[in-house]
Amino acid sequence: MLADLYDQIGNDGARYWNWYTDNIRPDQGYFVNGYQTPWCAEFVSYMLAYWGATSTWFPSPTTFDKTCIPESERIYGQDLRPLDVLSFDWGEDNYESGDHTGFVISVHDWGCVTIEGNCGSDLRVHEMQRHWDVILFGIRPNYKEVPEVVTDDDVRAIARATNEYVYSDYNVEHNRNLYNMVNWMFDNVMEMRQEIKDIKEMLKK
């Protein structure tokens, strides 16, 4: 299931909001792009439907907040686990309302690694690192099987299995060029360190 989420990385919102309007709310019409609709919840709804999971609060056109989730169903902090669904609050108002939503991938002292739709500068599906100060709480959908613990090594292995988050030929080539450039820079820095060391030794003589 985690691999299914990583397979979505890089997607725009079309498949999720089209699925939503085709299957859940055809009366809402079709969304044009991520700038005109908060499709993060439609991404969560799509994945839950794909897995055959159920949740009291999804599908939904918007994210959830503490006004609609009973305290007994909220999960906080280190009690969160992979595939829980998070509600985020960007602090733009005083209501502690949910502004965004996404899936937990792993839980850390500082917060959670997540996968979310409609995020990043390009409004696509991304892996993110979210700190506790923006996380309201999570809910746990009814999954048939949910991993109790996901390590950083697990996350890296899944990432490698999904082409390191890139899906188009352009992105593959772009990332390969970046990788080569970084390696070239590193090699040159190491050579410079040796040259500086040689100069220092020469100046001592």
N, C-alpha and C. Protein backbone atom coordinates (compact mmCIF):
# COMPACT_ATOMS: atom_id res chain seq x y z
N MET A 1 0.82 -1.21 0.00
CA MET A 1 0.00 0.00 0.00
C MET A 1 0.86 1.26 0.00
N LEU A 2 1.96 1.23 0.73
CA LEU A 2 2.86 2.38 0.69
C LEU A 2 3.43 2.57 -0.71
N ALA A 3 3.74 1.45 -1.37
CA ALA A 3 4.25 1.55 -2.74
C ALA A 3 3.21 2.19 -3.67
N ASP A 4 1.92 1.91 -3.42
CA ASP A 4 0.86 2.53 -4.23
C ASP A 4 0.91 4.05 -4.09
N LEU A 5 1.17 4.52 -2.87
CA LEU A 5 1.26 5.97 -2.66
C LEU A 5 2.46 6.56 -3.39
N TYR A 6 3.59 5.89 -3.30
CA TYR A 6 4.78 6.40 -3.99
C TYR A 6 4.59 6.40 -5.49
N ASP A 7 3.77 5.49 -6.00
CA ASP A 7 3.48 5.48 -7.44
C ASP A 7 2.73 6.73 -7.89
N GLN A 8 2.07 7.41 -6.95
CA GLN A 8 1.30 8.60 -7.31
C GLN A 8 2.16 9.86 -7.37
N ILE A 9 3.35 9.81 -6.82
CA ILE A 9 4.17 11.02 -6.71
C ILE A 9 4.47 11.60 -8.11
N GLY A 10 4.28 12.89 -8.21
CA GLY A 10 4.47 13.57 -9.49
C GLY A 10 3.19 13.81 -10.26
N ASN A 11 2.11 13.12 -9.87
CA ASN A 11 0.83 13.31 -10.58
C ASN A 11 0.22 14.67 -10.27
N ASP A 12 -0.47 15.23 -11.27
CA ASP A 12 -1.30 16.39 -10.98
C ASP A 12 -2.66 15.89 -10.49
N GLY A 13 -3.63 16.78 -10.32
CA GLY A 13 -4.87 16.39 -9.68
C GLY A 13 -5.94 15.83 -10.59
N ALA A 14 -5.69 15.77 -11.90
CA ALA A 14 -6.76 15.45 -12.84
C ALA A 14 -7.43 14.10 -12.53
N ARG A 15 -6.65 13.07 -12.31
CA ARG A 15 -7.27 11.76 -12.11
C ARG A 15 -8.12 11.73 -10.84
N TYR A 16 -7.73 12.51 -9.85
CA TYR A 16 -8.42 12.47 -8.56
C TYR A 16 -9.70 13.30 -8.59
N TRP A 17 -9.64 14.52 -9.16
CA TRP A 17 -10.87 15.30 -9.17
C TRP A 17 -11.83 14.80 -10.25
N ASN A 18 -11.33 14.20 -11.36
CA ASN A 18 -12.23 13.61 -12.34
C ASN A 18 -12.93 12.39 -11.77
N TRP A 19 -12.17 11.57 -11.03
CA TRP A 19 -12.79 10.41 -10.36
C TRP A 19 -13.86 10.87 -9.38
N TYR A 20 -13.57 11.94 -8.65
CA TYR A 20 -14.50 12.44 -7.65
C TYR A 20 -15.79 12.93 -8.29
N THR A 21 -15.66 13.73 -9.33
CA THR A 21 -16.86 14.27 -9.95
C THR A 21 -17.62 13.20 -10.75
N ASP A 22 -16.93 12.19 -11.25
CA ASP A 22 -17.59 11.10 -11.97
C ASP A 22 -18.34 10.16 -11.03
N ASN A 23 -17.76 9.92 -9.84
CA ASN A 23 -18.27 8.85 -8.99
C ASN A 23 -18.92 9.31 -7.68
N ILE A 24 -18.51 10.45 -7.18
CA ILE A 24 -18.98 10.86 -5.87
C ILE A 24 -19.96 12.03 -5.95
N ARG A 25 -19.55 13.11 -6.61
CA ARG A 25 -20.39 14.30 -6.68
C ARG A 25 -20.46 14.84 -8.11
N PRO A 26 -21.18 14.17 -8.98
CA PRO A 26 -21.27 14.66 -10.37
C PRO A 26 -21.92 16.03 -10.48
N ASP A 27 -22.66 16.43 -9.44
CA ASP A 27 -23.31 17.73 -9.48
C ASP A 27 -22.33 18.90 -9.32
N GLN A 28 -21.10 18.60 -8.92
CA GLN A 28 -20.15 19.68 -8.68
C GLN A 28 -19.42 20.13 -9.95
N GLY A 29 -19.58 19.39 -11.04
CA GLY A 29 -18.89 19.77 -12.27
C GLY A 29 -17.42 19.41 -12.22
N TYR A 30 -16.71 19.77 -13.26
CA TYR A 30 -15.31 19.38 -13.37
C TYR A 30 -14.38 20.52 -12.96
N PHE A 31 -13.36 20.17 -12.21
CA PHE A 31 -12.36 21.14 -11.81
C PHE A 31 -11.35 21.30 -12.93
N VAL A 32 -10.76 22.46 -13.01
CA VAL A 32 -9.82 22.74 -14.09
C VAL A 32 -8.39 22.44 -13.67
N ASN A 33 -7.99 22.91 -12.51
CA ASN A 33 -6.63 22.63 -12.07
C ASN A 33 -6.53 22.84 -10.56
N GLY A 34 -5.37 22.54 -10.04
CA GLY A 34 -5.18 22.58 -8.60
C GLY A 34 -5.28 23.97 -8.00
N TYR A 35 -5.13 25.00 -8.82
CA TYR A 35 -5.26 26.35 -8.30
C TYR A 35 -6.72 26.70 -8.00
N GLN A 36 -7.64 25.94 -8.58
CA GLN A 36 -9.05 26.28 -8.43
C GLN A 36 -9.80 25.31 -7.52
N THR A 37 -9.16 24.31 -7.02
CA THR A 37 -9.83 23.39 -6.11
C THR A 37 -8.83 22.79 -5.14
N PRO A 38 -9.20 22.65 -3.87
CA PRO A 38 -8.32 21.95 -2.92
C PRO A 38 -8.53 20.45 -3.04
N TRP A 39 -7.81 19.82 -3.97
CA TRP A 39 -8.08 18.42 -4.28
C TRP A 39 -7.30 17.44 -3.40
N CYS A 40 -6.69 17.92 -2.33
CA CYS A 40 -5.96 17.02 -1.43
C CYS A 40 -6.87 15.93 -0.87
N ALA A 41 -8.11 16.29 -0.51
CA ALA A 41 -9.02 15.30 0.06
C ALA A 41 -9.51 14.33 -1.00
N GLU A 42 -9.61 14.80 -2.25
CA GLU A 42 -10.00 13.90 -3.33
C GLU A 42 -8.90 12.87 -3.59
N PHE A 43 -7.67 13.28 -3.42
CA PHE A 43 -6.55 12.33 -3.52
C PHE A 43 -6.67 11.26 -2.44
N VAL A 44 -6.93 11.68 -1.19
CA VAL A 44 -7.09 10.71 -0.10
C VAL A 44 -8.28 9.79 -0.39
N SER A 45 -9.40 10.36 -0.82
CA SER A 45 -10.59 9.57 -1.12
C SER A 45 -10.32 8.54 -2.21
N TYR A 46 -9.61 8.97 -3.25
CA TYR A 46 -9.28 8.10 -4.38
C TYR A 46 -8.47 6.89 -3.90
N MET A 47 -7.46 7.14 -3.07
CA MET A 47 -6.61 6.04 -2.61
C MET A 47 -7.37 5.10 -1.69
N LEU A 48 -8.21 5.64 -0.82
CA LEU A 48 -9.01 4.78 0.06
C LEU A 48 -9.93 3.89 -0.77
N ALA A 49 -10.55 4.47 -1.80
CA ALA A 49 -11.42 3.67 -2.67
C ALA A 49 -10.63 2.62 -3.43
N TYR A 50 -9.43 2.99 -3.87
CA TYR A 50 -8.56 2.06 -4.59
C TYR A 50 -8.23 0.85 -3.72
N TRP A 51 -7.98 1.09 -2.44
CA TRP A 51 -7.63 0.01 -1.52
C TRP A 51 -8.85 -0.72 -0.96
N GLY A 52 -10.03 -0.18 -1.20
CA GLY A 52 -11.23 -0.78 -0.62
C GLY A 52 -11.36 -0.49 0.86
N ALA A 53 -10.69 0.58 1.32
CA ALA A 53 -10.76 0.96 2.73
C ALA A 53 -11.99 1.84 2.97
N THR A 54 -12.43 1.90 4.20
CA THR A 54 -13.58 2.72 4.55
C THR A 54 -13.21 3.73 5.63
N SER A 55 -13.89 4.86 5.61
CA SER A 55 -13.67 5.89 6.61
C SER A 55 -14.95 6.68 6.78
N THR A 56 -15.24 7.06 8.00
CA THR A 56 -16.42 7.86 8.27
C THR A 56 -16.37 9.19 7.55
N TRP A 57 -15.16 9.72 7.34
CA TRP A 57 -15.02 11.11 6.92
C TRP A 57 -14.57 11.29 5.48
N PHE A 58 -14.41 10.24 4.73
CA PHE A 58 -14.04 10.35 3.32
C PHE A 58 -14.91 9.41 2.53
N PRO A 59 -15.25 9.69 1.26
CA PRO A 59 -14.81 10.84 0.48
C PRO A 59 -15.42 12.15 0.98
N SER A 60 -14.73 13.21 0.69
CA SER A 60 -15.17 14.53 1.10
C SER A 60 -14.60 15.56 0.15
N PRO A 61 -15.29 16.64 -0.10
CA PRO A 61 -14.76 17.67 -0.98
C PRO A 61 -13.71 18.53 -0.28
N THR A 62 -13.68 18.49 1.04
CA THR A 62 -12.70 19.26 1.79
C THR A 62 -12.08 18.38 2.85
N THR A 63 -11.07 18.92 3.50
CA THR A 63 -10.45 18.17 4.57
C THR A 63 -11.32 18.23 5.83
N PHE A 64 -10.90 17.52 6.84
CA PHE A 64 -11.68 17.49 8.07
C PHE A 64 -11.00 18.34 9.14
N ASP A 65 -11.75 18.69 10.17
CA ASP A 65 -11.16 19.42 11.29
C ASP A 65 -11.83 18.97 12.57
N LYS A 66 -11.46 19.60 13.67
CA LYS A 66 -11.92 19.11 14.97
C LYS A 66 -13.41 19.35 15.20
N THR A 67 -14.03 20.17 14.35
CA THR A 67 -15.45 20.40 14.51
C THR A 67 -16.29 19.21 14.06
N CYS A 68 -15.73 18.33 13.26
CA CYS A 68 -16.52 17.21 12.74
C CYS A 68 -15.97 15.84 13.12
N ILE A 69 -14.85 15.80 13.80
CA ILE A 69 -14.27 14.52 14.20
C ILE A 69 -14.38 14.38 15.72
N PRO A 70 -15.09 13.37 16.21
CA PRO A 70 -15.18 13.18 17.67
C PRO A 70 -13.79 12.96 18.27
N GLU A 71 -13.61 13.41 19.48
CA GLU A 71 -12.33 13.25 20.17
C GLU A 71 -11.90 11.80 20.21
N SER A 72 -12.85 10.89 20.35
CA SER A 72 -12.54 9.46 20.45
C SER A 72 -11.92 8.90 19.18
N GLU A 73 -12.08 9.61 18.04
CA GLU A 73 -11.56 9.13 16.76
C GLU A 73 -10.28 9.85 16.35
N ARG A 74 -9.81 10.79 17.14
CA ARG A 74 -8.60 11.53 16.80
C ARG A 74 -7.36 10.82 17.33
N ILE A 75 -6.30 10.86 16.54
CA ILE A 75 -5.03 10.22 16.91
C ILE A 75 -3.94 11.29 16.91
N TYR A 76 -3.13 11.29 17.95
CA TYR A 76 -2.13 12.35 18.10
C TYR A 76 -0.72 11.78 18.21
N GLY A 77 0.26 12.60 17.80
CA GLY A 77 1.67 12.36 18.09
C GLY A 77 2.17 10.98 17.74
N GLN A 78 2.88 10.39 18.69
CA GLN A 78 3.52 9.10 18.45
C GLN A 78 2.54 7.94 18.34
N ASP A 79 1.26 8.19 18.58
CA ASP A 79 0.25 7.14 18.37
C ASP A 79 -0.12 7.00 16.91
N LEU A 80 0.29 7.96 16.08
CA LEU A 80 0.05 7.85 14.64
C LEU A 80 0.88 6.72 14.06
N ARG A 81 0.41 6.17 12.96
CA ARG A 81 1.17 5.13 12.27
C ARG A 81 0.95 5.24 10.77
N PRO A 82 1.75 4.53 9.97
CA PRO A 82 1.63 4.65 8.52
C PRO A 82 0.21 4.41 8.02
N LEU A 83 -0.18 5.22 7.04
CA LEU A 83 -1.46 5.20 6.35
C LEU A 83 -2.59 5.84 7.15
N ASP A 84 -2.30 6.36 8.35
CA ASP A 84 -3.27 7.24 8.98
C ASP A 84 -3.42 8.49 8.10
N VAL A 85 -4.57 9.13 8.20
CA VAL A 85 -4.84 10.34 7.43
C VAL A 85 -4.75 11.54 8.36
N LEU A 86 -3.93 12.52 7.97
CA LEU A 86 -3.68 13.69 8.81
C LEU A 86 -4.51 14.88 8.38
N SER A 87 -4.85 15.71 9.36
CA SER A 87 -5.41 17.02 9.09
C SER A 87 -4.37 18.06 9.49
N PHE A 88 -4.10 19.01 8.58
CA PHE A 88 -3.11 20.05 8.83
C PHE A 88 -3.80 21.40 9.01
N ASP A 89 -3.20 22.23 9.85
CA ASP A 89 -3.69 23.59 10.05
C ASP A 89 -2.53 24.54 9.81
N TRP A 90 -2.68 25.41 8.81
CA TRP A 90 -1.61 26.35 8.47
C TRP A 90 -1.59 27.57 9.39
N GLY A 91 -2.54 27.65 10.34
CA GLY A 91 -2.53 28.74 11.29
C GLY A 91 -2.97 30.07 10.72
N GLU A 92 -3.76 30.03 9.64
CA GLU A 92 -4.19 31.27 9.00
C GLU A 92 -5.41 31.89 9.69
N ASP A 93 -6.00 31.15 10.63
CA ASP A 93 -7.12 31.68 11.39
C ASP A 93 -6.99 31.19 12.83
N ASN A 94 -7.97 31.49 13.64
CA ASN A 94 -7.91 31.11 15.06
C ASN A 94 -8.82 29.94 15.40
N TYR A 95 -9.23 29.18 14.36
CA TYR A 95 -10.23 28.16 14.59
C TYR A 95 -9.65 26.75 14.64
N GLU A 96 -8.35 26.60 14.45
CA GLU A 96 -7.73 25.28 14.38
C GLU A 96 -8.49 24.39 13.41
N SER A 97 -8.83 24.95 12.27
CA SER A 97 -9.57 24.21 11.26
C SER A 97 -8.62 23.50 10.32
N GLY A 98 -9.08 22.40 9.75
CA GLY A 98 -8.26 21.66 8.81
C GLY A 98 -8.12 22.39 7.50
N ASP A 99 -6.88 22.67 7.11
CA ASP A 99 -6.61 23.36 5.85
C ASP A 99 -6.12 22.42 4.75
N HIS A 100 -5.78 21.19 5.11
CA HIS A 100 -5.11 20.31 4.15
C HIS A 100 -5.12 18.90 4.75
N THR A 101 -4.89 17.90 3.90
CA THR A 101 -4.88 16.52 4.40
C THR A 101 -3.93 15.67 3.56
N GLY A 102 -3.48 14.55 4.13
CA GLY A 102 -2.58 13.64 3.44
C GLY A 102 -2.33 12.41 4.29
N PHE A 103 -1.52 11.49 3.77
CA PHE A 103 -1.24 10.21 4.43
C PHE A 103 0.07 10.24 5.21
N VAL A 104 0.07 9.60 6.36
CA VAL A 104 1.31 9.38 7.12
C VAL A 104 2.11 8.27 6.44
N ILE A 105 3.40 8.50 6.30
CA ILE A 105 4.32 7.47 5.83
C ILE A 105 5.15 6.93 6.99
N SER A 106 5.69 7.83 7.79
CA SER A 106 6.46 7.43 8.97
C SER A 106 6.38 8.53 10.01
N VAL A 107 6.59 8.16 11.28
CA VAL A 107 6.45 9.08 12.40
C VAL A 107 7.81 9.25 13.07
N HIS A 108 8.16 10.49 13.40
CA HIS A 108 9.46 10.81 13.98
C HIS A 108 9.27 11.75 15.17
N ASP A 109 10.36 12.02 15.88
CA ASP A 109 10.28 12.94 17.01
C ASP A 109 9.83 14.32 16.59
N TRP A 110 10.23 14.75 15.40
CA TRP A 110 9.96 16.11 14.93
C TRP A 110 8.62 16.25 14.22
N GLY A 111 8.04 15.12 13.79
CA GLY A 111 6.80 15.18 13.04
C GLY A 111 6.63 13.94 12.18
N CYS A 112 6.07 14.11 10.99
CA CYS A 112 5.76 12.96 10.13
C CYS A 112 6.26 13.18 8.70
N VAL A 113 6.73 12.11 8.09
CA VAL A 113 6.90 12.06 6.64
C VAL A 113 5.54 11.68 6.07
N THR A 114 5.11 12.39 5.04
CA THR A 114 3.77 12.20 4.49
C THR A 114 3.82 12.11 2.97
N ILE A 115 2.72 11.66 2.40
CA ILE A 115 2.47 11.83 0.97
C ILE A 115 1.13 12.51 0.83
N GLU A 116 1.11 13.63 0.08
CA GLU A 116 -0.07 14.49 -0.02
C GLU A 116 -0.29 14.91 -1.46
N GLY A 117 -1.53 15.13 -1.80
CA GLY A 117 -1.87 15.72 -3.08
C GLY A 117 -2.02 17.22 -2.96
N ASN A 118 -1.95 17.90 -4.10
CA ASN A 118 -2.14 19.36 -4.16
C ASN A 118 -1.18 20.10 -3.23
N CYS A 119 0.09 19.76 -3.33
CA CYS A 119 1.08 20.43 -2.48
C CYS A 119 2.35 20.71 -3.28
N GLY A 120 3.27 21.44 -2.67
CA GLY A 120 4.47 21.85 -3.37
C GLY A 120 4.17 23.01 -4.31
N SER A 121 5.22 23.60 -4.85
CA SER A 121 5.05 24.76 -5.72
C SER A 121 4.31 24.42 -7.01
N ASP A 122 4.33 23.14 -7.41
CA ASP A 122 3.67 22.74 -8.66
C ASP A 122 2.31 22.09 -8.43
N LEU A 123 1.85 22.04 -7.17
CA LEU A 123 0.54 21.50 -6.83
C LEU A 123 0.33 20.10 -7.40
N ARG A 124 1.25 19.21 -7.04
CA ARG A 124 1.16 17.81 -7.44
C ARG A 124 1.21 16.92 -6.20
N VAL A 125 1.33 15.61 -6.42
CA VAL A 125 1.49 14.69 -5.29
C VAL A 125 2.97 14.65 -4.92
N HIS A 126 3.25 14.85 -3.65
CA HIS A 126 4.64 14.90 -3.19
C HIS A 126 4.80 14.18 -1.86
N GLU A 127 6.02 13.71 -1.63
CA GLU A 127 6.42 13.31 -0.27
C GLU A 127 6.85 14.58 0.45
N MET A 128 6.38 14.75 1.68
CA MET A 128 6.66 15.96 2.44
C MET A 128 7.15 15.60 3.84
N GLN A 129 7.76 16.57 4.50
CA GLN A 129 8.10 16.45 5.92
C GLN A 129 7.31 17.52 6.66
N ARG A 130 6.44 17.08 7.56
CA ARG A 130 5.57 18.00 8.28
C ARG A 130 5.88 17.96 9.77
N HIS A 131 6.08 19.13 10.36
CA HIS A 131 6.38 19.22 11.79
C HIS A 131 5.09 19.27 12.60
N TRP A 132 5.23 18.93 13.88
CA TRP A 132 4.05 18.82 14.74
C TRP A 132 3.25 20.10 14.81
N ASP A 133 3.88 21.24 14.63
CA ASP A 133 3.15 22.50 14.82
C ASP A 133 2.09 22.76 13.76
N VAL A 134 2.11 22.00 12.64
CA VAL A 134 1.07 22.17 11.62
C VAL A 134 0.13 20.96 11.55
N ILE A 135 0.38 19.95 12.38
CA ILE A 135 -0.45 18.74 12.37
C ILE A 135 -1.51 18.86 13.46
N LEU A 136 -2.79 18.85 13.06
CA LEU A 136 -3.87 18.88 14.05
C LEU A 136 -4.00 17.53 14.73
N PHE A 137 -4.27 16.51 13.94
CA PHE A 137 -4.44 15.14 14.44
C PHE A 137 -4.62 14.23 13.24
N GLY A 138 -4.75 12.93 13.47
CA GLY A 138 -5.01 12.00 12.40
C GLY A 138 -6.24 11.17 12.67
N ILE A 139 -6.72 10.49 11.65
CA ILE A 139 -7.75 9.47 11.81
C ILE A 139 -7.23 8.19 11.18
N ARG A 140 -7.82 7.07 11.57
CA ARG A 140 -7.37 5.77 11.06
C ARG A 140 -8.50 5.11 10.29
N PRO A 141 -8.43 5.12 8.96
CA PRO A 141 -9.44 4.41 8.18
C PRO A 141 -9.40 2.91 8.46
N ASN A 142 -10.42 2.24 8.02
CA ASN A 142 -10.52 0.80 8.24
C ASN A 142 -9.81 0.06 7.12
N TYR A 143 -8.53 -0.24 7.34
CA TYR A 143 -7.73 -0.98 6.38
C TYR A 143 -7.74 -2.46 6.75
N LYS A 144 -7.55 -3.28 5.73
CA LYS A 144 -7.40 -4.71 6.00
C LYS A 144 -6.06 -5.00 6.66
N GLU A 145 -5.05 -4.25 6.25
CA GLU A 145 -3.70 -4.47 6.79
C GLU A 145 -2.96 -3.15 6.79
N VAL A 146 -2.43 -2.77 7.94
CA VAL A 146 -1.68 -1.52 8.07
C VAL A 146 -0.36 -1.82 8.75
N PRO A 147 0.77 -1.40 8.18
CA PRO A 147 2.06 -1.64 8.84
C PRO A 147 2.14 -0.88 10.15
N GLU A 148 2.64 -1.50 11.18
CA GLU A 148 2.78 -0.85 12.48
C GLU A 148 3.93 0.15 12.47
N VAL A 149 5.03 -0.22 11.82
CA VAL A 149 6.22 0.61 11.84
C VAL A 149 6.81 0.66 10.44
N VAL A 150 7.21 1.83 10.01
CA VAL A 150 7.94 1.97 8.76
C VAL A 150 9.23 2.71 9.07
N THR A 151 10.35 2.10 8.69
CA THR A 151 11.64 2.72 8.96
C THR A 151 12.06 3.59 7.78
N ASP A 152 13.07 4.42 8.01
CA ASP A 152 13.60 5.24 6.92
C ASP A 152 14.14 4.37 5.80
N ASP A 153 14.71 3.22 6.14
CA ASP A 153 15.21 2.31 5.11
C ASP A 153 14.07 1.79 4.24
N ASP A 154 12.91 1.52 4.86
CA ASP A 154 11.75 1.08 4.10
C ASP A 154 11.34 2.15 3.09
N VAL A 155 11.31 3.39 3.56
CA VAL A 155 10.91 4.50 2.70
C VAL A 155 11.88 4.65 1.55
N ARG A 156 13.18 4.56 1.83
CA ARG A 156 14.18 4.69 0.77
C ARG A 156 14.06 3.56 -0.24
N ALA A 157 13.78 2.34 0.25
CA ALA A 157 13.65 1.20 -0.65
C ALA A 157 12.46 1.37 -1.58
N ILE A 158 11.35 1.86 -1.04
CA ILE A 158 10.18 2.10 -1.87
C ILE A 158 10.47 3.19 -2.89
N ALA A 159 11.17 4.22 -2.45
CA ALA A 159 11.51 5.31 -3.37
C ALA A 159 12.36 4.80 -4.53
N ARG A 160 13.35 3.97 -4.22
CA ARG A 160 14.19 3.43 -5.29
C ARG A 160 13.37 2.57 -6.24
N ALA A 161 12.41 1.84 -5.70
CA ALA A 161 11.58 0.96 -6.52
C ALA A 161 10.65 1.73 -7.44
N THR A 162 10.43 3.00 -7.13
CA THR A 162 9.56 3.82 -7.96
C THR A 162 10.36 4.90 -8.68
N ASN A 163 11.56 4.52 -9.12
CA ASN A 163 12.40 5.40 -9.94
C ASN A 163 12.74 6.72 -9.27
N GLU A 164 12.91 6.65 -7.96
CA GLU A 164 13.34 7.83 -7.20
C GLU A 164 12.43 9.03 -7.46
N TYR A 165 11.13 8.74 -7.47
CA TYR A 165 10.08 9.76 -7.54
C TYR A 165 9.92 10.42 -8.90
N VAL A 166 10.56 9.94 -9.93
CA VAL A 166 10.43 10.59 -11.23
C VAL A 166 9.73 9.67 -12.22
N TYR A 167 8.93 10.24 -13.10
CA TYR A 167 8.09 9.40 -13.96
C TYR A 167 8.17 9.73 -15.44
N SER A 168 8.48 10.94 -15.82
CA SER A 168 8.57 11.23 -17.24
C SER A 168 10.02 11.13 -17.71
N ASP A 169 10.20 10.97 -19.02
CA ASP A 169 11.56 10.90 -19.57
C ASP A 169 12.33 12.18 -19.27
N TYR A 170 11.61 13.31 -19.35
CA TYR A 170 12.28 14.59 -19.06
C TYR A 170 12.82 14.59 -17.64
N ASN A 171 11.98 14.19 -16.68
CA ASN A 171 12.40 14.22 -15.28
C ASN A 171 13.53 13.24 -15.00
N VAL A 172 13.48 12.07 -15.65
CA VAL A 172 14.57 11.10 -15.48
C VAL A 172 15.88 11.72 -15.95
N GLU A 173 15.86 12.34 -17.15
CA GLU A 173 17.07 12.94 -17.69
C GLU A 173 17.50 14.13 -16.84
N HIS A 174 16.53 14.93 -16.41
CA HIS A 174 16.84 16.09 -15.58
C HIS A 174 17.52 15.67 -14.28
N ASN A 175 16.97 14.66 -13.63
CA ASN A 175 17.55 14.21 -12.37
C ASN A 175 18.90 13.54 -12.57
N ARG A 176 19.06 12.85 -13.70
CA ARG A 176 20.35 12.24 -13.99
C ARG A 176 21.41 13.33 -14.17
N ASN A 177 21.03 14.41 -14.86
CA ASN A 177 21.97 15.52 -15.05
C ASN A 177 22.33 16.18 -13.72
N LEU A 178 21.32 16.34 -12.86
CA LEU A 178 21.60 16.92 -11.54
C LEU A 178 22.54 16.03 -10.75
N TYR A 179 22.27 14.72 -10.82
CA TYR A 179 23.12 13.77 -10.11
C TYR A 179 24.56 13.87 -10.61
N ASN A 180 24.73 13.90 -11.92
CA ASN A 180 26.08 13.99 -12.49
C ASN A 180 26.76 15.30 -12.10
N MET A 181 25.98 16.40 -12.09
CA MET A 181 26.54 17.69 -11.75
C MET A 181 27.01 17.70 -10.29
N VAL A 182 26.19 17.15 -9.41
CA VAL A 182 26.57 17.11 -7.99
C VAL A 182 27.83 16.29 -7.79
N ASN A 183 27.90 15.15 -8.47
CA ASN A 183 29.11 14.32 -8.36
C ASN A 183 30.34 15.04 -8.89
N TRP A 184 30.17 15.77 -10.00
CA TRP A 184 31.28 16.53 -10.58
C TRP A 184 31.75 17.60 -9.59
N MET A 185 30.80 18.30 -8.98
CA MET A 185 31.15 19.33 -8.00
C MET A 185 31.86 18.73 -6.80
N PHE A 186 31.38 17.58 -6.35
CA PHE A 186 32.01 16.93 -5.21
C PHE A 186 33.44 16.53 -5.53
N ASP A 187 33.64 15.96 -6.72
CA ASP A 187 34.99 15.56 -7.13
C ASP A 187 35.93 16.77 -7.17
N ASN A 188 35.42 17.88 -7.69
CA ASN A 188 36.25 19.08 -7.78
C ASN A 188 36.58 19.65 -6.41
N VAL A 189 35.62 19.60 -5.51
CA VAL A 189 35.87 20.07 -4.15
C VAL A 189 36.95 19.23 -3.49
N MET A 190 36.88 17.92 -3.69
CA MET A 190 37.89 17.04 -3.09
C MET A 190 39.27 17.33 -3.66
N GLU A 191 39.34 17.62 -4.96
CA GLU A 191 40.62 17.96 -5.58
C GLU A 191 41.14 19.28 -5.03
N MET A 192 40.25 20.24 -4.84
CA MET A 192 40.65 21.53 -4.29
C MET A 192 41.18 21.38 -2.87
N ARG A 193 40.56 20.51 -2.10
CA ARG A 193 41.04 20.29 -0.74
C ARG A 193 42.47 19.79 -0.74
N GLN A 194 42.78 18.90 -1.67
CA GLN A 194 44.13 18.38 -1.76
C GLN A 194 45.10 19.47 -2.21
N GLU A 195 44.68 20.30 -3.18
CA GLU A 195 45.53 21.39 -3.65
C GLU A 195 45.81 22.39 -2.52
N ILE A 196 44.79 22.72 -1.75
CA ILE A 196 44.96 23.64 -0.62
C ILE A 196 45.92 23.06 0.41
N LYS A 197 45.79 21.77 0.63
CA LYS A 197 46.70 21.11 1.57
C LYS A 197 48.14 21.17 1.07
N ASP A 198 48.34 20.97 -0.25
CA ASP A 198 49.67 21.02 -0.83
C ASP A 198 50.26 22.42 -0.72
N ILE A 199 49.39 23.46 -0.94
CA ILE A 199 49.86 24.85 -0.85
C ILE A 199 50.28 25.17 0.57
N LYS A 200 49.50 24.71 1.55
CA LYS A 200 49.83 24.96 2.95
C LYS A 200 51.18 24.32 3.32
N GLU A 201 51.37 23.12 2.82
CA GLU A 201 52.64 22.45 3.10
C GLU A 201 53.81 23.18 2.46
N MET A 202 53.58 23.70 1.24
CA MET A 202 54.63 24.41 0.53
C MET A 202 54.96 25.71 1.27
N LEU A 203 53.97 26.41 1.78
CA LEU A 203 54.19 27.66 2.47
C LEU A 203 54.94 27.47 3.79
N LYS A 204 54.82 26.30 4.36
CA LYS A 204 55.53 26.03 5.62
C LYS A 204 57.03 25.90 5.40
N LYS A 205 57.45 25.59 4.19
CA LYS A 205 58.86 25.30 3.92
C LYS A 205 59.68 26.56 3.74
